[in-house]
Protein backbone atom coordinates (compact mmCIF):
# COMPACT_ATOMS: atom_id res chain seq x y z
CA MET A 1 27.53 -14.94 3.34
CA PRO A 2 24.28 -13.04 4.10
CA VAL A 3 21.22 -15.10 5.03
CA PRO A 4 18.26 -14.73 2.62
CA VAL A 5 15.04 -13.32 4.08
CA THR A 6 11.39 -13.72 3.10
CA ILE A 7 8.78 -11.38 4.57
CA LEU A 8 5.32 -12.93 4.76
CA CYS A 9 2.41 -10.47 4.80
CA GLY A 10 -1.36 -10.58 4.55
CA GLU A 11 -4.39 -9.61 6.59
CA LEU A 12 -5.52 -11.54 9.64
CA GLY A 13 -7.09 -14.83 8.59
CA ALA A 14 -5.59 -14.91 5.09
CA GLY A 15 -3.68 -18.11 5.89
CA LYS A 16 -0.12 -16.90 6.53
CA THR A 17 0.53 -19.23 9.46
CA THR A 18 -0.91 -22.26 7.65
CA LEU A 19 1.30 -21.52 4.65
CA LEU A 20 4.31 -21.05 6.92
CA SER A 21 3.65 -24.30 8.78
CA ARG A 22 3.49 -26.25 5.52
CA LEU A 23 6.70 -24.57 4.39
CA LEU A 24 8.53 -25.63 7.55
CA GLU A 25 7.30 -29.20 7.19
CA SER A 26 8.45 -29.58 3.59
CA ALA A 27 11.53 -27.36 3.16
CA ASP A 28 14.94 -29.04 2.82
CA ARG A 29 16.81 -26.35 4.70
CA ASP A 30 17.01 -24.91 8.22
CA ILE A 31 14.60 -22.00 8.51
CA ALA A 32 14.49 -19.50 11.35
CA VAL A 33 11.19 -17.73 11.92
CA LEU A 34 10.25 -14.45 13.53
CA VAL A 35 6.53 -14.23 14.26
CA ASN A 36 4.54 -11.13 15.09
CA ASP A 37 0.78 -11.37 14.93
CA VAL A 38 -1.20 -9.02 17.13
CA GLY A 39 -3.72 -10.82 19.31
CA GLU A 40 -2.56 -14.38 18.60
CA VAL A 41 1.20 -14.03 18.65
CA ASN A 42 1.77 -16.65 21.36
CA VAL A 43 -0.40 -19.22 19.62
CA ASP A 44 1.42 -18.72 16.35
CA ALA A 45 4.81 -18.73 18.04
CA ASP A 46 4.09 -22.08 19.68
CA LEU A 47 2.87 -23.48 16.37
CA VAL A 48 6.02 -22.44 14.53
CA GLU A 49 8.36 -23.30 17.38
CA ALA A 50 7.26 -26.94 17.31
CA ARG A 51 8.30 -27.27 13.68
CA THR A 52 11.84 -25.92 13.69
CA ASP A 53 15.12 -27.78 14.05
CA LEU A 54 16.81 -25.04 15.99
CA GLU A 55 17.48 -25.15 19.70
CA THR A 56 14.20 -24.89 21.60
CA GLY A 57 13.23 -21.55 23.08
CA ASP A 58 15.13 -18.86 21.20
CA GLU A 59 14.52 -19.48 17.54
CA VAL A 60 11.10 -17.81 17.46
CA VAL A 61 11.19 -14.19 18.58
CA ALA A 62 7.63 -13.03 19.32
CA LEU A 63 7.23 -9.26 19.66
CA GLU A 64 4.09 -8.89 21.76
CA ASN A 65 3.76 -5.15 22.26
CA GLY A 66 2.55 -3.97 18.88
CA CYS A 67 3.45 -3.83 15.24
CA ILE A 68 7.03 -4.60 14.23
CA CYS A 69 6.81 -2.22 11.30
CA CYS A 70 6.47 0.97 13.34
CA SER A 71 7.32 1.56 17.01
CA LEU A 72 9.19 -1.75 17.31
CA GLY A 73 11.32 -1.32 14.19
CA GLY A 74 14.46 -1.08 16.30
CA GLU A 75 13.53 -4.19 18.25
CA LEU A 76 13.03 -6.07 15.00
CA SER A 77 16.59 -5.28 13.91
CA ARG A 78 17.99 -6.28 17.29
CA ALA A 79 15.97 -9.49 17.31
CA VAL A 80 17.09 -10.70 13.88
CA ILE A 81 20.72 -9.74 14.49
CA ARG A 82 20.67 -11.64 17.79
CA LEU A 83 19.10 -14.60 16.00
CA TRP A 84 21.87 -14.53 13.39
CA LYS A 85 24.60 -14.37 16.05
CA ASP A 86 23.20 -17.17 18.23
CA HIS A 87 22.12 -19.74 15.62
CA GLU A 88 23.06 -21.19 12.28
CA PHE A 89 20.28 -21.39 9.70
CA ASP A 90 19.82 -21.16 5.96
CA HIS A 91 16.83 -18.82 5.62
CA LEU A 92 14.84 -16.36 7.75
CA VAL A 93 11.08 -15.92 7.41
CA VAL A 94 9.42 -12.94 9.07
CA GLU A 95 5.68 -13.48 9.49
CA ALA A 96 4.43 -9.91 9.78
CA SER A 97 1.43 -8.74 11.73
CA GLY A 98 -1.84 -8.81 9.79
CA VAL A 99 -2.23 -5.12 10.55
CA GLY A 100 1.30 -4.08 9.59
CA GLU A 101 2.62 -2.28 6.53
CA PRO A 102 5.29 -4.31 4.71
CA GLU A 103 7.50 -1.47 3.44
CA PRO A 104 8.94 -0.35 6.82
CA ILE A 105 9.74 -3.99 7.62
CA ALA A 106 11.54 -4.41 4.31
CA ARG A 107 13.57 -1.27 4.93
CA GLN A 108 15.04 -2.83 8.07
CA PHE A 109 16.72 -5.45 5.84
CA VAL A 110 17.65 -3.10 3.01
CA ARG A 111 18.79 0.09 4.71
CA GLY A 112 18.82 -0.78 8.41
CA PRO A 113 21.36 -2.64 10.57
CA ALA A 114 19.84 -5.99 9.55
CA GLY A 115 21.01 -5.35 5.99
CA GLY A 116 24.50 -6.53 6.96
CA PRO A 117 23.89 -10.17 7.94
CA TYR A 118 20.78 -10.56 5.76
CA ASP A 119 19.69 -10.23 2.12
CA LEU A 120 16.00 -9.53 1.56
CA GLU A 121 14.91 -12.06 -1.06
CA ALA A 122 11.15 -11.57 -1.31
CA VAL A 123 8.07 -9.91 0.15
CA VAL A 124 5.14 -12.33 -0.13
CA THR A 125 1.56 -11.20 0.42
CA VAL A 126 -1.11 -13.83 1.09
CA VAL A 127 -4.61 -12.95 -0.12
CA ASP A 128 -7.82 -14.61 1.06
CA ALA A 129 -9.49 -15.27 -2.32
CA ARG A 130 -13.05 -15.26 -0.99
CA ARG A 131 -12.69 -12.16 1.14
CA PHE A 132 -10.75 -10.23 -1.50
CA HIS A 133 -13.31 -11.03 -4.18
CA ASP A 134 -16.25 -9.96 -2.03
CA ARG A 135 -14.54 -6.80 -0.84
CA PHE A 136 -12.98 -5.55 -4.07
CA ALA A 137 -13.69 -7.64 -7.17
CA ASP A 138 -17.42 -7.88 -6.50
CA GLY A 139 -17.76 -4.33 -5.21
CA GLU A 140 -20.68 -4.96 -2.87
CA ALA A 141 -19.06 -5.56 0.50
CA VAL A 142 -18.85 -2.91 3.22
CA PRO A 143 -15.27 -2.32 4.44
CA VAL A 144 -14.38 -2.66 8.10
CA ARG A 145 -12.94 0.42 9.77
CA GLN A 146 -9.81 -0.76 11.46
CA GLY A 147 -6.21 0.37 11.70
CA PRO A 148 -2.76 -0.62 12.93
CA ASN A 149 -3.25 1.43 16.10
CA GLY A 150 -6.49 -0.38 16.92
CA GLU A 151 -8.47 2.84 17.03
CA GLY A 152 -10.15 2.64 13.64
CA THR A 153 -8.29 5.61 12.21
CA ARG A 154 -7.51 3.76 9.01
CA PRO A 155 -9.72 1.36 7.06
CA LEU A 156 -8.53 -2.22 6.92
CA SER A 157 -9.30 -2.28 3.21
CA ASP A 158 -6.65 0.38 2.57
CA LEU A 159 -4.03 -1.60 4.47
CA VAL A 160 -4.91 -4.77 2.55
CA LEU A 161 -4.27 -3.01 -0.76
CA GLU A 162 -0.97 -1.58 0.49
CA GLN A 163 0.14 -5.11 1.34
CA VAL A 164 -0.82 -6.17 -2.18
CA GLU A 165 0.92 -3.19 -3.81
CA PHE A 166 4.21 -3.66 -1.95
CA CYS A 167 5.32 -7.21 -2.76
CA ASP A 168 6.92 -9.24 -5.51
CA LEU A 169 4.93 -12.45 -4.93
CA LEU A 170 1.18 -12.73 -4.37
CA VAL A 171 -0.35 -15.96 -3.07
CA VAL A 172 -4.09 -16.22 -3.71
CA ASN A 173 -5.01 -18.60 -0.91
CA LYS A 174 -8.26 -20.44 -0.08
CA GLY A 175 -8.88 -21.02 -3.76
CA ASP A 176 -11.36 -23.77 -2.89
CA LEU A 177 -13.76 -21.13 -1.55
CA VAL A 178 -14.25 -19.36 -4.90
CA SER A 179 -15.36 -20.44 -8.35
CA ASP A 180 -12.96 -20.51 -11.29
CA ALA A 181 -14.50 -17.29 -12.65
CA GLU A 182 -14.20 -15.54 -9.27
CA ARG A 183 -10.59 -16.63 -8.91
CA GLU A 184 -9.74 -15.31 -12.37
CA ARG A 185 -11.38 -12.00 -11.51
CA VAL A 186 -9.31 -11.76 -8.32
CA VAL A 187 -6.09 -12.53 -10.22
CA ALA A 188 -6.92 -9.97 -12.90
CA LEU A 189 -7.49 -7.25 -10.30
CA LEU A 190 -4.27 -8.15 -8.48
CA GLU A 191 -2.39 -7.87 -11.79
CA MET A 192 -3.66 -4.34 -12.17
CA LEU A 193 -2.85 -3.36 -8.58
CA GLN A 194 0.70 -4.77 -8.69
CA PRO A 195 1.74 -5.57 -12.29
CA ARG A 196 5.27 -6.64 -11.34
CA ALA A 197 4.39 -9.36 -8.82
CA ALA A 198 4.26 -13.05 -9.65
CA ILE A 199 0.94 -14.64 -8.68
CA GLU A 200 0.42 -18.16 -7.33
CA THR A 201 -2.88 -19.76 -6.33
CA ALA A 202 -3.20 -22.20 -3.44
CA GLU A 203 -5.58 -24.12 -1.22
CA TYR A 204 -4.80 -24.45 2.49
CA GLY A 205 -1.46 -22.70 1.91
CA ASP A 206 -0.11 -25.68 -0.01
CA LEU A 207 2.81 -24.49 -2.16
CA GLU A 208 6.16 -26.03 -3.07
CA PRO A 209 8.99 -24.54 -0.94
CA GLU A 210 10.92 -23.31 -3.98
CA VAL A 211 8.01 -21.06 -4.92
CA LEU A 212 8.45 -19.11 -1.70
CA LEU A 213 12.18 -19.47 -1.14
CA GLY A 214 13.60 -19.41 -4.65
CA VAL A 215 12.75 -15.81 -5.52
CA GLU A 216 15.36 -13.44 -6.92
CA ARG A 217 16.82 -10.79 -4.64
CA PHE A 218 14.25 -8.17 -3.64
CA GLU A 219 14.62 -4.67 -5.14
CA LEU A 220 12.91 -2.27 -2.76
CA GLU A 221 12.72 0.78 -5.01
CA THR A 222 11.53 -1.22 -8.01
CA VAL A 223 8.74 -2.88 -6.07
CA ARG A 224 7.77 0.34 -4.33
CA ASP A 225 7.41 2.17 -7.63
CA SER A 226 5.67 -0.57 -9.60
CA ALA A 227 2.23 -0.46 -7.97
CA GLY A 228 -0.49 0.09 -10.55
CA TRP A 229 -1.52 3.47 -9.24
CA LYS A 230 2.08 4.75 -9.23
CA ARG A 231 2.63 3.61 -12.80
CA GLN A 232 -0.47 5.56 -13.82
CA ILE A 233 0.78 8.66 -11.97
CA GLU A 234 4.07 8.37 -13.87
CA ALA A 235 2.34 7.87 -17.21
CA ASP A 236 0.05 10.82 -16.56
CA ALA A 237 2.98 13.02 -15.56
CA GLY A 238 4.78 12.07 -18.77
CA GLU A 239 1.92 13.21 -20.98
CA GLY A 240 2.01 16.97 -21.30
CA GLU A 241 3.40 18.38 -18.06
CA HIS A 242 6.67 17.09 -16.67
CA GLY A 243 8.61 17.27 -13.46
CA THR A 244 5.86 16.30 -11.02
CA ASP A 245 7.59 13.17 -9.72
CA GLY A 246 9.25 13.99 -6.40
CA ASN A 247 8.25 17.64 -6.33
CA HIS A 248 6.77 17.74 -2.89
CA ASP A 249 8.51 17.69 0.43
CA CYS A 250 6.63 14.60 1.63
CA SER A 251 7.87 11.92 3.99
CA ASP A 252 9.44 8.90 2.31
CA GLY A 253 6.92 6.20 1.53
CA GLY A 254 3.98 8.59 1.71
CA ASP A 255 4.51 10.62 -1.43
CA PRO A 256 2.77 9.20 -4.48
CA ALA A 257 4.57 11.67 -6.71
CA ARG A 258 7.92 9.96 -6.17
CA GLY A 259 8.28 7.88 -9.27
CA GLY A 260 10.98 5.46 -10.34
CA ASP A 261 12.33 3.71 -13.38
CA HIS A 262 11.01 0.26 -14.14
CA THR A 263 11.02 -1.91 -17.21
CA HIS A 264 8.24 -4.36 -16.41
CA SER A 265 5.83 -4.97 -19.25
CA ASP A 266 2.26 -5.90 -18.42
CA GLY A 267 1.29 -7.07 -21.87
CA ASP A 268 1.94 -10.76 -21.28
CA HIS A 269 -0.40 -11.63 -18.44
CA ALA A 270 -2.43 -14.81 -18.60
CA HIS A 271 -5.50 -12.99 -17.33
CA PRO A 272 -5.71 -9.58 -19.03
CA PRO A 273 -7.48 -7.17 -16.65
CA GLU A 274 -9.35 -5.65 -19.58
CA ARG A 275 -11.18 -8.94 -20.02
CA TYR A 276 -12.93 -8.25 -16.72
CA GLY A 277 -13.60 -4.58 -17.30
CA ILE A 278 -10.74 -3.52 -15.01
CA GLU A 279 -9.06 -0.29 -16.10
CA VAL A 280 -6.79 2.41 -14.74
CA GLU A 281 -7.25 6.10 -15.48
CA GLY A 282 -5.49 9.30 -14.46
CA TYR A 283 -6.96 12.58 -13.19
CA HIS A 284 -4.86 15.77 -13.08
CA ARG A 285 -5.98 19.32 -12.33
CA ARG A 286 -4.23 22.47 -11.09
CA ARG A 287 -7.16 23.74 -9.06
CA PRO A 288 -8.15 22.74 -5.51
CA PHE A 289 -11.09 20.64 -4.43
CA HIS A 290 -13.88 22.30 -2.48
CA PRO A 291 -13.60 20.39 0.85
CA GLU A 292 -17.35 19.93 1.39
CA ARG A 293 -18.13 18.82 -2.17
CA PHE A 294 -15.11 16.52 -2.22
CA ALA A 295 -16.17 14.87 1.05
CA GLU A 296 -19.66 14.42 -0.36
CA LEU A 297 -18.22 12.73 -3.44
CA LEU A 298 -16.14 10.37 -1.29
CA ARG A 299 -19.33 9.27 0.46
CA SER A 300 -20.92 8.24 -2.84
CA LEU A 301 -18.16 6.74 -4.99
CA PRO A 302 -19.14 4.35 -7.80
CA ASP A 303 -19.36 0.72 -6.69
CA GLY A 304 -16.77 -0.45 -9.22
CA LEU A 305 -14.01 1.93 -8.06
CA VAL A 306 -11.43 -0.26 -6.32
CA ARG A 307 -8.51 2.11 -5.88
CA ALA A 308 -7.90 5.84 -6.09
CA LYS A 309 -4.63 7.25 -4.85
CA GLY A 310 -2.52 10.33 -5.29
CA LEU A 311 -1.88 13.85 -4.07
CA THR A 312 -4.75 16.27 -3.57
CA TRP A 313 -4.90 20.01 -3.08
CA ILE A 314 -7.86 20.86 -0.86
CA ALA A 315 -9.00 24.44 -0.42
CA GLY A 316 -8.36 25.64 3.11
CA ARG A 317 -5.29 23.43 3.40
CA GLU A 318 -2.80 25.53 1.45
CA ASP A 319 0.29 24.14 3.20
CA GLN A 320 -0.63 20.47 3.34
CA ALA A 321 0.05 18.01 0.52
CA ILE A 322 -2.66 15.46 1.27
CA THR A 323 -2.53 11.89 0.02
CA THR A 324 -5.96 10.58 -0.87
CA SER A 325 -6.18 6.80 -0.69
CA THR A 326 -9.42 5.01 -1.62
CA ALA A 327 -9.77 1.26 -1.09
CA GLY A 328 -13.21 0.00 -1.98
CA ALA A 329 -15.78 2.09 -0.15
CA ALA A 330 -13.42 3.80 2.29
CA THR A 331 -11.12 6.77 1.65
CA THR A 332 -8.29 7.96 3.87
CA LEU A 333 -6.97 11.51 3.70
CA GLU A 334 -3.48 11.84 5.18
CA VAL A 335 -1.07 14.75 5.40
CA THR A 336 2.14 13.34 3.92
CA GLY A 337 4.11 16.53 3.41
CA ARG A 338 3.98 20.17 2.34
CA TRP A 339 3.76 21.86 -1.01
CA ILE A 340 7.00 23.54 -1.97
CA ALA A 341 4.99 26.73 -2.50
CA SER A 342 4.16 26.76 1.22
CA PHE A 343 7.78 27.32 2.24
CA ALA A 344 9.62 30.61 2.60
CA GLU A 345 10.81 32.05 -0.69
CA GLU A 346 14.48 31.20 -0.13
CA ARG A 347 13.68 27.54 0.53
CA GLN A 348 11.36 27.45 -2.46
CA GLU A 349 14.19 28.62 -4.68
CA THR A 350 16.48 25.90 -3.29
CA TYR A 351 13.98 23.20 -4.22
CA ARG A 352 13.25 24.72 -7.61
CA ARG A 353 16.91 24.97 -8.56
CA GLY A 354 17.23 21.25 -7.90
CA GLN A 355 14.19 20.47 -10.07
CA PRO A 356 14.48 22.48 -13.29
CA ASP A 357 11.56 20.65 -14.91
CA LEU A 358 9.17 21.44 -12.08
CA VAL A 359 5.93 22.94 -13.43
CA TRP A 360 5.28 26.07 -11.41
CA ASP A 361 2.27 28.36 -11.30
CA GLU A 362 3.20 31.93 -10.36
CA GLU A 363 0.26 32.21 -7.96
CA HIS A 364 -0.17 28.68 -6.61
CA GLY A 365 3.25 27.10 -7.18
CA ASP A 366 3.36 23.30 -7.32
CA ARG A 367 -0.06 22.68 -5.81
CA GLU A 368 -2.14 20.22 -7.83
CA VAL A 369 -4.55 17.29 -7.82
CA ARG A 370 -3.07 14.15 -9.36
CA LEU A 371 -4.88 10.85 -8.88
CA ALA A 372 -4.68 7.34 -10.29
CA LEU A 373 -8.05 5.57 -10.51
CA ILE A 374 -8.45 1.78 -10.78
CA GLY A 375 -11.86 0.21 -11.17
CA ARG A 376 -14.14 -2.35 -12.72
CA ASP A 377 -16.81 -1.29 -15.21
CA VAL A 378 -16.63 2.34 -14.09
CA ASP A 379 -18.13 5.14 -16.17
CA TRP A 380 -14.91 7.15 -16.26
CA ASP A 381 -16.42 10.15 -18.03
CA ALA A 382 -19.10 10.43 -15.36
CA LEU A 383 -16.56 10.11 -12.54
CA GLU A 384 -14.29 12.72 -14.14
CA SER A 385 -17.26 15.07 -14.43
CA ARG A 386 -18.11 14.54 -10.75
CA LEU A 387 -14.50 15.23 -9.75
CA ASP A 388 -14.50 18.40 -11.85
CA ASP A 389 -17.66 19.52 -10.07
CA CYS A 390 -15.72 19.29 -6.81
CA LEU A 391 -13.15 21.84 -8.02
CA LEU A 392 -13.49 25.46 -6.97
CA SER A 393 -15.23 27.72 -9.46
CA ASP A 394 -13.57 30.93 -10.64
CA GLU A 395 -15.69 32.86 -8.15
CA GLU A 396 -14.74 30.51 -5.32
CA MET A 397 -11.06 30.77 -6.21
CA ALA A 398 -11.24 34.47 -5.41
CA ALA A 399 -13.22 34.00 -2.17
CA ASP A 400 -12.14 33.33 1.42
CA TRP A 401 -11.50 29.58 1.81
CA SER A 402 -11.26 29.65 5.59
CA ASP A 403 -15.05 29.61 6.02
CA TYR A 404 -15.46 26.12 4.53
CA GLU A 405 -16.38 23.21 6.76
CA ASN A 406 -13.23 21.24 6.14
CA PRO A 407 -12.83 17.55 7.10
CA ALA A 408 -9.26 17.34 5.78
CA PRO A 409 -6.47 16.81 8.35
CA THR A 410 -3.89 19.49 9.13
CA GLY A 411 -0.92 17.89 10.91
CA MET A 412 1.82 15.73 9.41
CA GLY A 413 0.75 12.09 9.57
CA GLU A 414 -2.80 12.88 10.64
CA THR A 415 -5.55 10.89 8.92
CA VAL A 416 -9.27 11.19 8.32
CA THR A 417 -11.41 8.35 6.98
CA ILE A 418 -14.57 8.92 4.94
CA SER A 419 -16.73 5.94 4.00
CA SER A 420 -19.23 5.65 1.20
CA ALA A 421 -20.86 2.71 2.99
CA ASP A 422 -23.04 5.15 4.92
CA PRO A 423 -23.72 8.40 3.05
CA GLU A 424 -24.78 10.05 6.31
CA ALA A 425 -21.67 9.04 8.22
CA PRO A 426 -19.57 12.02 9.34
CA ALA A 427 -15.96 12.33 8.26
CA ARG A 428 -13.50 11.23 10.92
């Protein structure tokens, strides 16, 4: 019978290890643990190792050379399969790196070799209540530029929101460091960012074991497609124009236009986001952004805008489907695929035959701007007007776009970060 797995995510300092230690002390079952935490992996491994009932030395597999969700994905599969072969245990917990994306880890247990001996039960993201409130719910904090590769190519704030958006259980930890009103505001924002996830609040990582280990079997596609911004993209695509979900030849996991069916209803939450002025809006245009005006806008976003994500068409980048991802005051532009219209005619026809509902412009094909916007007390009309001002005018549409100073990336997987914390800061 496959062993159930829980993946434990959250940024550095959120309290993952404390929560895990309490779980190991109180659980009535044998739990194996795989720990990977960049910078403090050996400390955490020793801490966990002392609290297991398995044979000393092998039960904690610490991967010290980077993030288990990317370059060491293969090693992760080998490690957990070896663990399963060498030991008997009732449950596996993977404590992920604080700078790792959860989805690639989950895929190892759903579609990788580890999917044989294991069943992924839950992805749990731990949130530091104080830090999350100050960074997102309050809207005044300056984000830290940091990334999984340690070179600052991706803002930490964006990674934090991805961890929130890809999970089915959120633990709001360090609740003693916020007021009741601040905690409710954090919960309300989390409900908007990931409507499907259950939310638990805790102090010092103190939760009953069944809360973490009694979750229903994880459904990767359902969780992946239930993030608040994706639901808005789907809703926007369903009003008027159809066929935009899955149009673009983007890499899996990086294409916000890939929608999915879900039946979750968000009308029964205990903390309605609307009570705190938190709303989600859609923005859809079939005209490109002027790269310089768009970059200028990204440097001066409204304080209350928490999340903006979707595909963008940027003049001068006719081939590249660029995912725009705003988290607080930092925006990442990443090439996640190509527009179908950028391929040779024969390949275009192949894609179009497979997608009969695809909306197609005879001149520009499937290129478009489609964003989901989540924020608190945002003047949406004003923001929409500012976005429209970034679009090319009729005269500019007919001009040469190659002369623009263009901060947008060009190669697949390349990223550029633009921060509104410093209006004078250059795009990177």
